[in-house]
C-alpha atoms as a PDB file:
ATOM      1  CA  MET A   1     121.168 152.931  85.407  1.00  0.00           C
ATOM      2  CA  SER A   2     122.827 155.029  82.686  1.00  0.00           C
ATOM      3  CA  GLN A   3     124.743 158.132  83.759  1.00  0.00           C
ATOM      4  CA  PRO A   4     122.664 161.360  83.773  1.00  0.00           C
ATOM      5  CA  SER A   5     123.335 163.352  80.618  1.00  0.00           C
ATOM      6  CA  ASP A   6     121.406 165.393  78.087  1.00  0.00           C
ATOM      7  CA  HIS A   7     120.357 163.391  75.025  1.00  0.00           C
ATOM      8  CA  ALA A   8     118.326 166.122  73.324  1.00  0.00           C
ATOM      9  CA  GLY A   9     118.451 165.833  69.559  1.00  0.00           C
ATOM     10  CA  VAL A  10     118.817 162.047  69.559  1.00  0.00           C
ATOM     11  CA  GLU A  11     115.483 160.659  68.383  1.00  0.00           C
ATOM     12  CA  PRO A  12     114.102 157.646  70.298  1.00  0.00           C
ATOM     13  CA  ARG A  13     113.558 154.401  68.411  1.00  0.00           C
ATOM     14  CA  ILE A  14     112.651 150.781  69.120  1.00  0.00           C
ATOM     15  CA  VAL A  15     116.030 149.035  69.197  1.00  0.00           C
ATOM     16  CA  ALA A  16     115.343 145.611  70.738  1.00  0.00           C
ATOM     17  CA  SER A  17     112.561 143.174  71.581  1.00  0.00           C
ATOM     18  CA  ALA A  18     112.069 139.740  73.117  1.00  0.00           C
ATOM     19  CA  ARG A  19     109.249 137.400  74.033  1.00  0.00           C
ATOM     20  CA  TYR A  20     108.605 134.357  76.187  1.00  0.00           C
ATOM     21  CA  ILE A  21     105.790 131.926  75.407  1.00  0.00           C
ATOM     22  CA  PRO A  22     105.740 128.690  77.426  1.00  0.00           C
ATOM     23  CA  TYR A  23     105.794 125.376  75.576  1.00  0.00           C
ATOM     24  CA  ALA A  24     103.122 123.809  77.796  1.00  0.00           C
ATOM     25  CA  ARG A  25      99.558 123.865  76.464  1.00  0.00           C
ATOM     26  CA  VAL A  26      96.193 123.538  78.156  1.00  0.00           C
ATOM     27  CA  ALA A  27      92.588 123.250  76.995  1.00  0.00           C
ATOM     28  CA  PRO A  28      90.760 126.609  77.252  1.00  0.00           C
ATOM     29  CA  ASP A  29      88.240 125.356  79.804  1.00  0.00           C
ATOM     30  CA  ALA A  30      90.634 123.248  81.864  1.00  0.00           C
ATOM     31  CA  SER A  31      90.868 123.990  85.579  1.00  0.00           C
ATOM     32  CA  ILE A  32      93.788 126.352  86.226  1.00  0.00           C
ATOM     33  CA  GLU A  33      95.746 125.553  89.345  1.00  0.00           C
ATOM     34  CA  PRO A  34      97.455 128.329  91.311  1.00  0.00           C
ATOM     35  CA  VAL A  35     101.212 128.251  91.911  1.00  0.00           C
ATOM     36  CA  ALA A  36     100.749 127.230  95.539  1.00  0.00           C
ATOM     37  CA  ALA A  37      98.166 124.680  96.643  1.00  0.00           C
ATOM     38  CA  THR A  38      97.566 126.279 100.045  1.00  0.00           C
ATOM     39  CA  GLY A  39      94.974 128.971 100.650  1.00  0.00           C
ATOM     40  CA  ILE A  40      93.211 128.478  97.304  1.00  0.00           C
ATOM     41  CA  THR A  41      89.719 128.986  98.700  1.00  0.00           C
ATOM     42  CA  ALA A  42      90.620 132.106 100.664  1.00  0.00           C
ATOM     43  CA  ARG A  43      92.432 133.608  97.704  1.00  0.00           C
ATOM     44  CA  GLU A  44      89.552 132.973  95.334  1.00  0.00           C
ATOM     45  CA  VAL A  45      87.100 134.552  97.770  1.00  0.00           C
ATOM     46  CA  VAL A  46      89.236 137.691  97.932  1.00  0.00           C
ATOM     47  CA  MET A  47      89.705 137.800  94.160  1.00  0.00           C
ATOM     48  CA  GLN A  48      85.981 137.342  93.541  1.00  0.00           C
ATOM     49  CA  ALA A  49      85.193 140.243  95.872  1.00  0.00           C
ATOM     50  CA  VAL A  50      87.868 142.627  94.577  1.00  0.00           C
ATOM     51  CA  TYR A  51      87.303 142.006  90.879  1.00  0.00           C
ATOM     52  CA  ALA A  52      83.575 141.228  90.856  1.00  0.00           C
ATOM     53  CA  ASP A  53      82.729 143.853  88.227  1.00  0.00           C
ATOM     54  CA  THR A  54      85.395 142.603  85.840  1.00  0.00           C
ATOM     55  CA  LEU A  55      84.205 139.029  86.238  1.00  0.00           C
ATOM     56  CA  ARG A  56      80.573 139.993  85.587  1.00  0.00           C
ATOM     57  CA  TRP A  57      81.595 141.854  82.425  1.00  0.00           C
ATOM     58  CA  ARG A  58      83.596 138.887  81.124  1.00  0.00           C
ATOM     59  CA  GLU A  59      80.745 136.462  81.808  1.00  0.00           C
ATOM     60  CA  ALA A  60      78.352 138.723  79.907  1.00  0.00           C
ATOM     61  CA  ARG A  61      80.771 138.976  76.967  1.00  0.00           C
ATOM     62  CA  ALA A  62      81.188 135.199  76.850  1.00  0.00           C
ATOM     63  CA  ARG A  63      77.405 134.663  76.808  1.00  0.00           C
ATOM     64  CA  CYS A  64      76.646 137.153  74.051  1.00  0.00           C
ATOM     65  CA  GLY A  65      79.702 136.240  71.984  1.00  0.00           C
ATOM     66  CA  GLU A  66      78.734 132.646  71.293  1.00  0.00           C
ATOM     67  CA  GLY A  67      75.376 133.602  69.894  1.00  0.00           C
ATOM     68  CA  ASP A  68      76.962 135.960  67.352  1.00  0.00           C
ATOM     69  CA  ARG A  69      79.354 133.411  65.795  1.00  0.00           C
ATOM     70  CA  PRO A  70      78.890 130.480  63.414  1.00  0.00           C
ATOM     71  CA  ALA A  71      78.979 127.092  65.132  1.00  0.00           C
ATOM     72  CA  SER A  72      82.127 126.108  63.215  1.00  0.00           C
ATOM     73  CA  GLN A  73      84.037 129.087  64.628  1.00  0.00           C
ATOM     74  CA  VAL A  74      82.771 128.500  68.153  1.00  0.00           C
ATOM     75  CA  SER A  75      83.854 124.863  68.132  1.00  0.00           C
ATOM     76  CA  LEU A  76      87.281 125.829  66.760  1.00  0.00           C
ATOM     77  CA  ALA A  77      87.834 128.243  69.643  1.00  0.00           C
ATOM     78  CA  ALA A  78      86.546 125.685  72.132  1.00  0.00           C
ATOM     79  CA  ASP A  79      88.993 122.996  71.025  1.00  0.00           C
ATOM     80  CA  ARG A  80      92.313 124.771  70.504  1.00  0.00           C
ATOM     81  CA  PRO A  81      94.868 124.574  73.332  1.00  0.00           C
ATOM     82  CA  VAL A  82      96.631 127.703  74.563  1.00  0.00           C
ATOM     83  CA  ALA A  83      99.975 128.482  76.182  1.00  0.00           C
ATOM     84  CA  ASN A  84     100.099 127.649  79.878  1.00  0.00           C
ATOM     85  CA  GLU A  85     102.902 128.597  82.282  1.00  0.00           C
ATOM     86  CA  PRO A  86     103.049 125.798  84.884  1.00  0.00           C
ATOM     87  CA  ARG A  87     105.918 127.069  87.021  1.00  0.00           C
ATOM     88  CA  MET A  88     106.707 130.782  86.937  1.00  0.00           C
ATOM     89  CA  THR A  89     104.614 133.560  88.443  1.00  0.00           C
ATOM     90  CA  LEU A  90     103.546 136.628  86.481  1.00  0.00           C
ATOM     91  CA  SER A  91     106.498 138.687  87.716  1.00  0.00           C
ATOM     92  CA  ASP A  92     108.871 135.745  87.096  1.00  0.00           C
ATOM     93  CA  MET A  93     107.811 135.751  83.450  1.00  0.00           C
ATOM     94  CA  ALA A  94     108.154 139.531  83.183  1.00  0.00           C
ATOM     95  CA  LEU A  95     111.618 139.457  84.726  1.00  0.00           C
ATOM     96  CA  THR A  96     112.709 136.557  82.503  1.00  0.00           C
ATOM     97  CA  VAL A  97     111.781 138.294  79.261  1.00  0.00           C
ATOM     98  CA  ALA A  98     113.287 141.604  80.440  1.00  0.00           C
ATOM     99  CA  GLN A  99     116.600 139.951  81.278  1.00  0.00           C
ATOM    100  CA  THR A 100     116.559 138.046  77.978  1.00  0.00           C
ATOM    101  CA  LEU A 101     116.268 141.328  76.083  1.00  0.00           C
ATOM    102  CA  LEU A 102     118.918 143.132  78.123  1.00  0.00           C
ATOM    103  CA  ASP A 103     121.405 140.240  78.016  1.00  0.00           C
ATOM    104  CA  ALA A 104     121.233 140.214  74.203  1.00  0.00           C
ATOM    105  CA  LEU A 105     122.077 143.917  73.823  1.00  0.00           C
ATOM    106  CA  PRO A 106     125.454 144.556  72.180  1.00  0.00           C
ATOM    107  CA  GLN A 107     125.833 147.769  74.204  1.00  0.00           C
ATOM    108  CA  ARG A 108     124.067 146.872  77.442  1.00  0.00           C
ATOM    109  CA  ALA A 109     125.939 149.389  79.601  1.00  0.00           C
ATOM    110  CA  GLU A 110     124.869 152.239  77.324  1.00  0.00           C
ATOM    111  CA  LEU A 111     121.284 151.024  76.935  1.00  0.00           C
ATOM    112  CA  THR A 112     120.415 150.122  80.524  1.00  0.00           C
ATOM    113  CA  PRO A 113     116.816 151.351  80.961  1.00  0.00           C
ATOM    114  CA  ASP A 114     116.268 154.543  82.931  1.00  0.00           C
ATOM    115  CA  GLN A 115     112.527 153.843  83.218  1.00  0.00           C
ATOM    116  CA  ILE A 116     110.507 150.616  83.175  1.00  0.00           C
ATOM    117  CA  ILE A 117     106.814 150.460  82.235  1.00  0.00           C
ATOM    118  CA  VAL A 118     104.894 147.265  83.027  1.00  0.00           C
ATOM    119  CA  CYS A 119     101.691 146.217  81.226  1.00  0.00           C
ATOM    120  CA  THR A 120      99.423 143.507  82.669  1.00  0.00           C
ATOM    121  CA  THR A 121      95.741 142.614  82.745  1.00  0.00           C
ATOM    122  CA  SER A 122      95.955 139.459  84.858  1.00  0.00           C
ATOM    123  CA  PHE A 123      97.170 139.385  88.456  1.00  0.00           C
ATOM    124  CA  GLU A 124      99.903 137.861  90.591  1.00  0.00           C
ATOM    125  CA  HIS A 125      99.223 134.687  92.596  1.00  0.00           C
ATOM    126  CA  ASP A 126      99.990 136.861  95.628  1.00  0.00           C
ATOM    127  CA  LEU A 127      97.843 140.011  95.735  1.00  0.00           C
ATOM    128  CA  ALA A 128     100.469 141.709  97.905  1.00  0.00           C
ATOM    129  CA  LEU A 129     103.124 141.392  95.178  1.00  0.00           C
ATOM    130  CA  SER A 130     103.530 144.102  92.533  1.00  0.00           C
ATOM    131  CA  CYS A 131     105.055 143.061  89.219  1.00  0.00           C
ATOM    132  CA  ALA A 132     106.117 146.644  88.480  1.00  0.00           C
ATOM    133  CA  CYS A 133     107.784 147.077  91.874  1.00  0.00           C
ATOM    134  CA  ARG A 134     109.605 143.762  91.572  1.00  0.00           C
ATOM    135  CA  LEU A 135     111.034 144.618  88.146  1.00  0.00           C
ATOM    136  CA  HIS A 136     112.201 148.011  89.336  1.00  0.00           C
ATOM    137  CA  CYS A 137     113.912 146.355  92.291  1.00  0.00           C
ATOM    138  CA  GLU A 138     115.481 143.469  90.339  1.00  0.00           C
ATOM    139  CA  LEU A 139     116.670 145.697  87.488  1.00  0.00           C
ATOM    140  CA  ARG A 140     117.817 148.417  89.922  1.00  0.00           C
ATOM    141  CA  SER A 141     115.822 151.270  88.485  1.00  0.00           C
ATOM    142  CA  SER A 142     115.997 154.484  90.499  1.00  0.00           C
ATOM    143  CA  ARG A 143     112.756 155.912  89.094  1.00  0.00           C
ATOM    144  CA  ALA A 144     109.222 155.331  90.326  1.00  0.00           C
ATOM    145  CA  PRO A 145     107.461 152.066  89.376  1.00  0.00           C
ATOM    146  CA  PHE A 146     105.052 152.554  86.494  1.00  0.00           C
ATOM    147  CA  ALA A 147     102.277 150.220  85.321  1.00  0.00           C
ATOM    148  CA  ILE A 148      99.446 150.283  82.784  1.00  0.00           C
ATOM    149  CA  GLY A 149      96.574 147.810  83.029  1.00  0.00           C
ATOM    150  CA  GLN A 150      93.036 146.971  81.911  1.00  0.00           C
ATOM    151  CA  LEU A 151      93.484 148.178  78.324  1.00  0.00           C
ATOM    152  CA  GLN A 152      94.184 144.595  77.216  1.00  0.00           C
ATOM    153  CA  SER A 153      96.199 144.505  73.976  1.00  0.00           C
ATOM    154  CA  VAL A 154      96.046 148.300  73.631  1.00  0.00           C
ATOM    155  CA  SER A 155      98.184 148.604  76.788  1.00  0.00           C
ATOM    156  CA  PHE A 156     101.486 148.236  74.908  1.00  0.00           C
ATOM    157  CA  LEU A 157     100.850 151.086  72.468  1.00  0.00           C
ATOM    158  CA  MET A 158      99.598 153.228  75.349  1.00  0.00           C
ATOM    159  CA  ALA A 159     102.870 152.469  77.164  1.00  0.00           C
ATOM    160  CA  LEU A 160     104.827 153.348  74.026  1.00  0.00           C
ATOM    161  CA  ASP A 161     102.995 156.673  73.813  1.00  0.00           C
ATOM    162  CA  VAL A 162     103.759 157.376  77.488  1.00  0.00           C
ATOM    163  CA  ALA A 163     107.419 156.424  77.038  1.00  0.00           C
ATOM    164  CA  LEU A 164     107.858 158.805  74.115  1.00  0.00           C
ATOM    165  CA  ALA A 165     106.121 161.609  76.022  1.00  0.00           C
ATOM    166  CA  MET A 166     108.406 161.078  79.022  1.00  0.00           C
ATOM    167  CA  MET A 167     111.499 161.126  76.810  1.00  0.00           C
ATOM    168  CA  ALA A 168     110.294 164.291  75.099  1.00  0.00           C
ATOM    169  CA  VAL A 169     110.092 166.242  78.366  1.00  0.00           C
ATOM    170  CA  ASP A 170     113.100 164.661  80.101  1.00  0.00           C
ATOM    171  CA  THR A 171     116.162 164.601  77.873  1.00  0.00           C
ATOM    172  CA  GLN A 172     118.147 162.716  80.517  1.00  0.00           C
ATOM    173  CA  ILE A 173     116.079 159.592  79.842  1.00  0.00           C
ATOM    174  CA  ARG A 174     118.059 157.576  77.337  1.00  0.00           C
ATOM    175  CA  ALA A 175     116.181 154.260  77.386  1.00  0.00           C
ATOM    176  CA  VAL A 176     112.737 153.003  78.440  1.00  0.00           C
ATOM    177  CA  LEU A 177     111.903 149.309  78.793  1.00  0.00           C
ATOM    178  CA  ILE A 178     108.289 148.208  78.276  1.00  0.00           C
ATOM    179  CA  VAL A 179     107.481 144.769  79.704  1.00  0.00           C
ATOM    180  CA  ALA A 180     104.111 143.041  79.266  1.00  0.00           C
ATOM    181  CA  ALA A 181     103.126 139.740  80.878  1.00  0.00           C
ATOM    182  CA  GLU A 182     100.008 137.652  81.449  1.00  0.00           C
ATOM    183  CA  ARG A 183      99.351 134.529  83.513  1.00  0.00           C
ATOM    184  CA  TRP A 184      95.746 133.491  84.097  1.00  0.00           C
ATOM    185  CA  LEU A 185      94.717 132.035  87.467  1.00  0.00           C
ATOM    186  CA  PRO A 186      91.364 131.311  89.172  1.00  0.00           C
ATOM    187  CA  PRO A 187      88.801 132.787  89.502  1.00  0.00           C
ATOM    188  CA  PHE A 188      89.408 134.172  86.010  1.00  0.00           C
ATOM    189  CA  VAL A 189      88.700 131.992  82.990  1.00  0.00           C
ATOM    190  CA  ARG A 190      90.673 131.986  79.769  1.00  0.00           C
ATOM    191  CA  ARG A 191      87.725 132.444  77.439  1.00  0.00           C
ATOM    192  CA  VAL A 192      86.746 136.011  76.542  1.00  0.00           C
ATOM    193  CA  ASP A 193      84.242 135.200  73.789  1.00  0.00           C
ATOM    194  CA  ALA A 194      83.583 132.537  71.173  1.00  0.00           C
ATOM    195  CA  LEU A 195      86.798 133.290  69.261  1.00  0.00           C
ATOM    196  CA  THR A 196      89.198 134.618  71.887  1.00  0.00           C
ATOM    197  CA  VAL A 197      90.962 132.421  74.424  1.00  0.00           C
ATOM    198  CA  MET A 198      93.706 133.743  76.697  1.00  0.00           C
ATOM    199  CA  GLY A 199      97.190 132.254  76.752  1.00  0.00           C
ATOM    200  CA  ASP A 200     100.114 132.898  79.100  1.00  0.00           C
ATOM    201  CA  GLY A 201     103.169 134.772  77.869  1.00  0.00           C
ATOM    202  CA  ALA A 202     105.410 137.816  78.160  1.00  0.00           C
ATOM    203  CA  ALA A 203     107.201 140.262  75.868  1.00  0.00           C
ATOM    204  CA  ALA A 204     109.524 143.249  76.178  1.00  0.00           C
ATOM    205  CA  VAL A 205     110.497 146.169  73.939  1.00  0.00           C
ATOM    206  CA  LEU A 206     113.309 148.695  74.466  1.00  0.00           C
ATOM    207  CA  ILE A 207     113.003 152.285  73.245  1.00  0.00           C
ATOM    208  CA  ALA A 208     116.287 154.176  73.252  1.00  0.00           C
ATOM    209  CA  ARG A 209     118.023 157.291  71.998  1.00  0.00           C
ATOM    210  CA  SER A 210     120.704 155.474  70.045  1.00  0.00           C
ATOM    211  CA  PRO A 211     122.408 155.562  66.642  1.00  0.00           C
ATOM    212  CA  ILE A 212     121.990 151.789  66.234  1.00  0.00           C
ATOM    213  CA  PRO A 213     119.355 150.595  63.724  1.00  0.00           C
ATOM    214  CA  GLY A 214     115.794 150.668  64.968  1.00  0.00           C
ATOM    215  CA  TRP A 215     112.197 151.691  64.395  1.00  0.00           C
ATOM    216  CA  ARG A 216     111.185 155.323  64.862  1.00  0.00           C
ATOM    217  CA  VAL A 217     107.579 156.072  65.815  1.00  0.00           C
ATOM    218  CA  ARG A 218     106.283 158.453  63.153  1.00  0.00           C
ATOM    219  CA  SER A 219     102.799 158.698  64.620  1.00  0.00           C
ATOM    220  CA  LEU A 220     100.696 156.986  67.252  1.00  0.00           C
ATOM    221  CA  THR A 221      96.948 157.251  67.811  1.00  0.00           C
ATOM    222  CA  ILE A 222      94.816 155.780  70.594  1.00  0.00           C
ATOM    223  CA  ARG A 223      91.030 155.950  70.461  1.00  0.00           C
ATOM    224  CA  THR A 224      88.123 154.737  72.568  1.00  0.00           C
ATOM    225  CA  PRO A 225      84.531 154.499  71.320  1.00  0.00           C
ATOM    226  CA  GLY A 226      81.941 156.887  72.675  1.00  0.00           C
ATOM    227  CA  PRO A 227      79.365 155.729  75.253  1.00  0.00           C
ATOM    228  CA  GLY A 228      76.732 155.229  72.560  1.00  0.00           C
ATOM    229  CA  ALA A 229      78.857 152.626  70.803  1.00  0.00           C
ATOM    230  CA  PHE A 230      78.238 150.102  73.562  1.00  0.00           C
ATOM    231  CA  ALA A 231      74.568 149.868  72.611  1.00  0.00           C
ATOM    232  CA  SER A 232      75.894 147.280  70.155  1.00  0.00           C
ATOM    233  CA  THR A 233      77.170 143.960  71.511  1.00  0.00           C
ATOM    234  CA  ASP A 234      79.213 143.329  68.350  1.00  0.00           C
ATOM    235  CA  ARG A 235      82.813 143.950  69.394  1.00  0.00           C
ATOM    236  CA  GLY A 236      83.943 143.541  65.784  1.00  0.00           C
ATOM    237  CA  LEU A 237      81.632 146.330  64.594  1.00  0.00           C
ATOM    238  CA  ILE A 238      82.720 148.696  67.373  1.00  0.00           C
ATOM    239  CA  GLY A 239      86.380 147.846  66.817  1.00  0.00           C
ATOM    240  CA  ALA A 240      86.192 148.270  63.041  1.00  0.00           C
ATOM    241  CA  THR A 241      84.851 151.802  63.350  1.00  0.00           C
ATOM    242  CA  THR A 242      87.293 152.884  66.053  1.00  0.00           C
ATOM    243  CA  LEU A 243      90.304 151.240  64.408  1.00  0.00           C
ATOM    244  CA  THR A 244      89.502 152.828  61.040  1.00  0.00           C
ATOM    245  CA  GLN A 245      89.566 156.227  62.730  1.00  0.00           C
ATOM    246  CA  ALA A 246      92.867 155.438  64.453  1.00  0.00           C
ATOM    247  CA  ILE A 247      94.531 154.254  61.227  1.00  0.00           C
ATOM    248  CA  ASP A 248      93.328 157.255  59.231  1.00  0.00           C
ATOM    249  CA  ASP A 249      94.474 159.633  61.954  1.00  0.00           C
ATOM    250  CA  ALA A 250      97.909 157.983  62.247  1.00  0.00           C
ATOM    251  CA  CYS A 251      98.462 158.146  58.482  1.00  0.00           C
ATOM    252  CA  THR A 252      97.390 161.788  58.365  1.00  0.00           C
ATOM    253  CA  ARG A 253      99.751 162.741  61.194  1.00  0.00           C
ATOM    254  CA  ALA A 254     102.634 160.902  59.548  1.00  0.00           C
ATOM    255  CA  LYS A 255     101.770 162.394  56.135  1.00  0.00           C
ATOM    256  CA  LEU A 256     101.890 158.870  54.764  1.00  0.00           C
ATOM    257  CA  CYS A 257      99.660 157.162  52.231  1.00  0.00           C
ATOM    258  CA  ALA A 258      98.352 153.826  53.487  1.00  0.00           C
ATOM    259  CA  ALA A 259      99.383 152.201  50.197  1.00  0.00           C
ATOM    260  CA  ASP A 260     103.042 152.960  51.013  1.00  0.00           C
ATOM    261  CA  ILE A 261     103.098 150.793  54.165  1.00  0.00           C
ATOM    262  CA  ASP A 262     105.451 147.814  53.791  1.00  0.00           C
ATOM    263  CA  TRP A 263     104.228 145.619  56.673  1.00  0.00           C
ATOM    264  CA  ILE A 264     100.922 145.535  58.522  1.00  0.00           C
ATOM    265  CA  LEU A 265     100.690 143.934  61.965  1.00  0.00           C
ATOM    266  CA  PRO A 266      96.948 143.432  62.590  1.00  0.00           C
ATOM    267  CA  PRO A 267      95.392 143.423  66.075  1.00  0.00           C
ATOM    268  CA  SER A 268      95.503 139.626  66.349  1.00  0.00           C
ATOM    269  CA  ALA A 269      95.264 136.523  64.197  1.00  0.00           C
ATOM    270  CA  VAL A 270      91.493 136.301  64.709  1.00  0.00           C
ATOM    271  CA  GLU A 271      91.133 139.918  63.564  1.00  0.00           C
ATOM    272  CA  ALA A 272      92.874 139.412  60.185  1.00  0.00           C
ATOM    273  CA  GLN A 273      89.493 139.364  58.425  1.00  0.00           C
ATOM    274  CA  LEU A 274      88.677 142.680  60.076  1.00  0.00           C
ATOM    275  CA  ILE A 275      91.846 144.205  58.614  1.00  0.00           C
ATOM    276  CA  ARG A 276      90.838 143.016  55.148  1.00  0.00           C
ATOM    277  CA  GLU A 277      87.506 144.756  55.574  1.00  0.00           C
ATOM    278  CA  LEU A 278      89.309 147.895  56.676  1.00  0.00           C
ATOM    279  CA  GLY A 279      91.495 147.786  53.565  1.00  0.00           C
ATOM    280  CA  ALA A 280      88.684 149.146  51.435  1.00  0.00           C
ATOM    281  CA  ARG A 281      88.059 151.997  53.885  1.00  0.00           C
ATOM    282  CA  SER A 282      91.646 153.060  54.603  1.00  0.00           C
ATOM    283  CA  GLY A 283      93.419 151.856  51.466  1.00  0.00           C
ATOM    284  CA  LEU A 284      95.601 149.336  53.327  1.00  0.00           C
ATOM    285  CA  PRO A 285      97.503 146.926  51.040  1.00  0.00           C
ATOM    286  CA  VAL A 286      96.039 143.700  52.430  1.00  0.00           C
ATOM    287  CA  GLU A 287      98.693 141.574  50.723  1.00  0.00           C
ATOM    288  CA  ARG A 288     101.214 143.075  53.160  1.00  0.00           C
ATOM    289  CA  ILE A 289      99.410 141.847  56.270  1.00  0.00           C
ATOM    290  CA  TRP A 290     101.723 139.733  58.411  1.00  0.00           C
ATOM    291  CA  HIS A 291     100.187 136.606  59.898  1.00  0.00           C
ATOM    292  CA  GLU A 292     101.190 134.495  62.869  1.00  0.00           C
ATOM    293  CA  ASP A 293      99.510 131.254  63.892  1.00  0.00           C
ATOM    294  CA  GLN A 294      97.838 132.509  67.059  1.00  0.00           C
ATOM    295  CA  ASP A 295      96.221 129.096  67.494  1.00  0.00           C
ATOM    296  CA  ALA A 296      99.652 127.962  68.685  1.00  0.00           C
ATOM    297  CA  HIS A 297      99.439 129.975  71.919  1.00  0.00           C
ATOM    298  CA  GLY A 298      96.156 131.889  72.224  1.00  0.00           C
ATOM    299  CA  HIS A 299      95.601 135.610  72.762  1.00  0.00           C
ATOM    300  CA  LEU A 300      98.280 137.060  75.048  1.00  0.00           C
ATOM    301  CA  CYS A 301      96.220 140.134  76.005  1.00  0.00           C
ATOM    302  CA  ALA A 302      98.583 142.934  77.141  1.00  0.00           C
ATOM    303  CA  ALA A 303     101.579 140.928  75.871  1.00  0.00           C
ATOM    304  CA  ASP A 304      99.947 140.102  72.530  1.00  0.00           C
ATOM    305  CA  THR A 305     101.040 143.128  70.483  1.00  0.00           C
ATOM    306  CA  PRO A 306     104.689 143.264  71.677  1.00  0.00           C
ATOM    307  CA  ALA A 307     105.038 139.470  71.367  1.00  0.00           C
ATOM    308  CA  ARG A 308     103.769 139.490  67.801  1.00  0.00           C
ATOM    309  CA  LEU A 309     105.840 142.573  66.992  1.00  0.00           C
ATOM    310  CA  ASP A 310     108.941 140.707  68.175  1.00  0.00           C
ATOM    311  CA  ALA A 311     108.082 137.763  65.915  1.00  0.00           C
ATOM    312  CA  LEU A 312     107.574 140.079  62.934  1.00  0.00           C
ATOM    313  CA  LEU A 313     110.827 141.980  63.516  1.00  0.00           C
ATOM    314  CA  ARG A 314     112.760 138.710  63.609  1.00  0.00           C
ATOM    315  CA  SER A 315     111.258 137.577  60.302  1.00  0.00           C
ATOM    316  CA  ILE A 316     112.141 140.595  58.133  1.00  0.00           C
ATOM    317  CA  ALA A 317     115.238 142.435  56.901  1.00  0.00           C
ATOM    318  CA  PRO A 318     114.089 146.057  56.553  1.00  0.00           C
ATOM    319  CA  SER A 319     115.818 148.792  54.596  1.00  0.00           C
ATOM    320  CA  HIS A 320     116.178 152.405  55.692  1.00  0.00           C
ATOM    321  CA  GLY A 321     112.864 154.244  55.395  1.00  0.00           C
ATOM    322  CA  GLN A 322     110.554 151.244  55.115  1.00  0.00           C
ATOM    323  CA  CYS A 323     107.318 151.558  57.099  1.00  0.00           C
ATOM    324  CA  MET A 324     105.254 149.332  59.366  1.00  0.00           C
ATOM    325  CA  LEU A 325     101.744 149.729  60.764  1.00  0.00           C
ATOM    326  CA  VAL A 326     101.104 148.199  64.189  1.00  0.00           C
ATOM    327  CA  SER A 327      97.507 148.071  65.411  1.00  0.00           C
ATOM    328  CA  SER A 328      95.674 146.653  68.404  1.00  0.00           C
ATOM    329  CA  LEU A 329      92.135 146.283  69.724  1.00  0.00           C
ATOM    330  CA  GLY A 330      90.853 146.020  73.275  1.00  0.00           C
ATOM    331  CA  PHE A 331      87.854 143.939  74.291  1.00  0.00           C
ATOM    332  CA  GLN A 332      85.762 147.043  75.008  1.00  0.00           C
ATOM    333  CA  GLY A 333      86.302 148.732  71.645  1.00  0.00           C
ATOM    334  CA  GLN A 334      89.582 150.526  72.403  1.00  0.00           C
ATOM    335  CA  ALA A 335      91.866 150.815  69.381  1.00  0.00           C
ATOM    336  CA  ALA A 336      95.416 151.974  68.793  1.00  0.00           C
ATOM    337  CA  CYS A 337      97.630 152.365  65.752  1.00  0.00           C
ATOM    338  CA  ALA A 338     101.324 153.215  65.407  1.00  0.00           C
ATOM    339  CA  LEU A 339     103.267 153.939  62.237  1.00  0.00           C
ATOM    340  CA  LEU A 340     106.946 153.027  62.458  1.00  0.00           C
ATOM    341  CA  ASP A 341     109.746 153.618  59.988  1.00  0.00           C
ATOM    342  CA  PHE A 342     113.108 151.886  59.986  1.00  0.00           C
ATOM    343  CA  ARG A 343     116.181 154.011  60.605  1.00  0.00           C
ATOM    344  CA  GLY A 344     119.588 152.670  59.672  1.00  0.00           C
ATOM    345  CA  GLU A 345     122.734 153.081  61.716  1.00  0.00           C
ATOM    346  CA  ASN A 346     123.752 156.671  62.565  1.00  0.00           C
ATOM    347  CA  THR A 347     120.549 158.146  61.112  1.00  0.00           C
END
């Protein structure tokens, strides 16, 4: 852990990222085997009982989703393989990507995280094991374990918002590490709806008060639809409305015109069409939307946004002051949007 000192006046920024996506692939509806072959029945019974409401909701979403989509889209989702981690547990994956990020830092001693925030939606093979507690132990953090779950791909931007709030009130916090990981095991299935299939993967992002180049958060907005919105079963319609509000609010707070954004990271590859529709409403330059072939690994849920952000950051060479919009959508209509601008060294 970094030595206690006051870092007031040094603005936090995203300075590093990493991701881990396994090479192995599996069909969306293939049987998923747990890490250990013993106690499968007992474990599934416990999981079914503890998470019965979540499972019922996902089954309902899967049923209504297929009826809303063209047959060509449904068959495409049904056939594409997704990333499958055959060996590591959820916390193994989280620890691996965290260590990958930290080992690559040029100034690791100065940027050792004071706080770690873990984002997951799936669960460990062992219900008694906490991913957040393991990371805090392995990385020798002296602060309390912290985890955010069940917001799906919105979890990362929620964690980023929490990290910035913590750094604002505690000037002794120099660096916060956000780690997101997903590994899907029975009784959960990988399919969410006709177009969304879960893959396994992990990603990490480091926010630090540092003069090294990085991305400052100019504004960040998180929104959830009101209770009346769920009268509609169209997740795209709910998400479009909520995300439009989040984007407009983020741009207003940052005093930035949407047309001035240099890169747009949409919620996911399957939502790219949604972003195009939003372009007319919010004035987003759709030609600046960054695309990644999500078919190569599936939707990574809580790890999806940071994993795709890492891929985008590695593909560009930004100049000081250039801006990026990062957005995400949850499966229940949650939406989040962050506006980032690149800060050069010593700025």
